Amino acid sequence: ATQVLRFYPCVNEAQSSKLYTVPGKAFLQADRDAEANGWQILGVMHSHTHTDAYPSPTDVAQAPDPDWHYVIVSLRDDLPSLRSYRIVDGEITEEQVTLAP
């Protein structure tokens, strides 16, 4: 099982509710820190404020790495919903997520 050891928060450079762009400098800093610790970047996490925690067509089109995990948090309902996916050649496959204390 894949385990997340660190989360690197980033600002959405696109400042849009329809797409997200991680600033290059923020990604580079996260990548360097992960490498210095012997880790690898496993994926990206973002929120959907008004829709389900499911990849949008934009998410699928922007998925840069088939090995990454794409975690989406839906804030549509009173309780947030978190789901994870793999996106390979446009095909979406949901993954099981277990949250540890």
Protein backbone atom coordinates (compact mmCIF):
# COMPACT_ATOMS: atom_id res chain seq x y z
CA ALA A 1 0.00 0.00 0.00
CA THR A 2 1.13 3.53 -0.74
CA GLN A 3 1.61 5.74 2.29
CA VAL A 4 1.64 9.54 2.22
CA LEU A 5 4.34 10.89 4.54
CA ARG A 6 4.09 14.60 3.80
CA PHE A 7 1.64 17.01 2.23
CA TYR A 8 2.96 20.09 0.43
CA PRO A 9 0.22 22.75 0.28
CA CYS A 10 0.29 24.96 -2.82
CA VAL A 11 -1.72 27.94 -3.98
CA ASN A 12 -3.79 27.54 -7.14
CA GLU A 13 -1.86 29.79 -9.50
CA ALA A 14 -4.78 29.76 -11.95
CA GLN A 15 -7.05 31.40 -9.33
CA SER A 16 -9.94 29.55 -10.95
CA SER A 17 -12.68 27.28 -9.70
CA LYS A 18 -12.52 25.31 -12.96
CA LEU A 19 -8.83 24.36 -13.07
CA TYR A 20 -5.75 24.32 -10.89
CA THR A 21 -2.15 25.11 -11.68
CA VAL A 22 0.65 24.49 -9.19
CA PRO A 23 3.28 27.25 -9.36
CA GLY A 24 6.53 25.90 -10.79
CA LYS A 25 8.59 27.21 -7.87
CA ALA A 26 6.32 25.50 -5.31
CA PHE A 27 6.53 22.19 -7.20
CA LEU A 28 10.31 22.47 -7.49
CA GLN A 29 10.65 23.13 -3.74
CA ALA A 30 8.41 20.15 -2.91
CA ASP A 31 10.29 17.93 -5.36
CA ARG A 32 13.68 18.92 -3.93
CA ASP A 33 12.50 18.37 -0.34
CA ALA A 34 11.04 14.97 -1.21
CA GLU A 35 14.26 13.95 -2.95
CA ALA A 36 16.39 15.13 0.00
CA ASN A 37 14.32 12.88 2.28
CA GLY A 38 14.41 9.88 -0.04
CA TRP A 39 10.73 10.26 -0.93
CA GLN A 40 8.92 10.69 -4.22
CA ILE A 41 5.96 12.83 -5.19
CA LEU A 42 3.01 10.46 -5.38
CA GLY A 43 0.33 12.72 -6.78
CA VAL A 44 -1.79 15.78 -6.36
CA MET A 45 -4.73 16.70 -4.15
CA HIS A 46 -7.32 19.38 -4.79
CA SER A 47 -10.90 20.25 -3.91
CA HIS A 48 -14.17 20.38 -5.76
CA THR A 49 -16.28 22.93 -3.93
CA HIS A 50 -19.61 22.32 -5.68
CA THR A 51 -19.36 18.84 -7.21
CA ASP A 52 -18.60 15.23 -6.26
CA ALA A 53 -15.09 14.02 -5.46
CA TYR A 54 -14.71 12.65 -8.98
CA PRO A 55 -12.29 13.78 -11.72
CA SER A 56 -13.73 16.38 -14.06
CA PRO A 57 -12.92 16.35 -17.78
CA THR A 58 -10.36 19.09 -17.01
CA ASP A 59 -8.78 16.92 -14.29
CA VAL A 60 -8.46 14.05 -16.76
CA ALA A 61 -7.02 16.27 -19.50
CA GLN A 62 -4.48 17.80 -17.11
CA ALA A 63 -3.38 14.54 -15.45
CA PRO A 64 0.40 14.75 -16.07
CA ASP A 65 1.62 11.39 -14.77
CA PRO A 66 -0.06 7.97 -15.05
CA ASP A 67 1.81 6.82 -11.91
CA TRP A 68 0.36 9.59 -9.75
CA HIS A 69 -2.58 9.35 -7.38
CA TYR A 70 -5.22 12.06 -7.87
CA VAL A 71 -6.94 12.83 -4.58
CA ILE A 72 -10.09 14.95 -4.71
CA VAL A 73 -11.92 16.37 -1.72
CA SER A 74 -15.53 17.38 -2.29
CA LEU A 75 -16.75 20.26 -0.14
CA ARG A 76 -20.26 20.20 -1.60
CA ASP A 77 -21.92 18.58 1.41
CA ASP A 78 -21.70 19.38 5.12
CA LEU A 79 -19.07 16.66 5.62
CA PRO A 80 -16.14 16.64 3.17
CA SER A 81 -15.71 13.56 1.00
CA LEU A 82 -12.21 12.36 0.02
CA ARG A 83 -11.56 9.94 -2.84
CA SER A 84 -8.47 8.91 -4.80
CA TYR A 85 -8.05 7.88 -8.43
CA ARG A 86 -5.51 6.78 -10.99
CA ILE A 87 -5.89 8.37 -14.40
CA VAL A 88 -4.15 6.45 -17.19
CA ASP A 89 -4.74 7.32 -20.85
CA GLY A 90 -8.00 9.04 -19.90
CA GLU A 91 -9.29 6.02 -17.97
CA ILE A 92 -10.29 6.73 -14.36
CA THR A 93 -9.90 4.03 -11.70
CA GLU A 94 -10.87 4.66 -8.08
CA GLU A 95 -8.49 3.56 -5.32
CA GLN A 96 -9.22 2.66 -1.72
CA VAL A 97 -8.19 5.32 0.81
CA THR A 98 -7.51 4.58 4.47
CA LEU A 99 -6.94 7.56 6.76
CA ALA A 100 -4.56 6.90 9.65
CA PRO A 101 -4.66 8.88 12.90
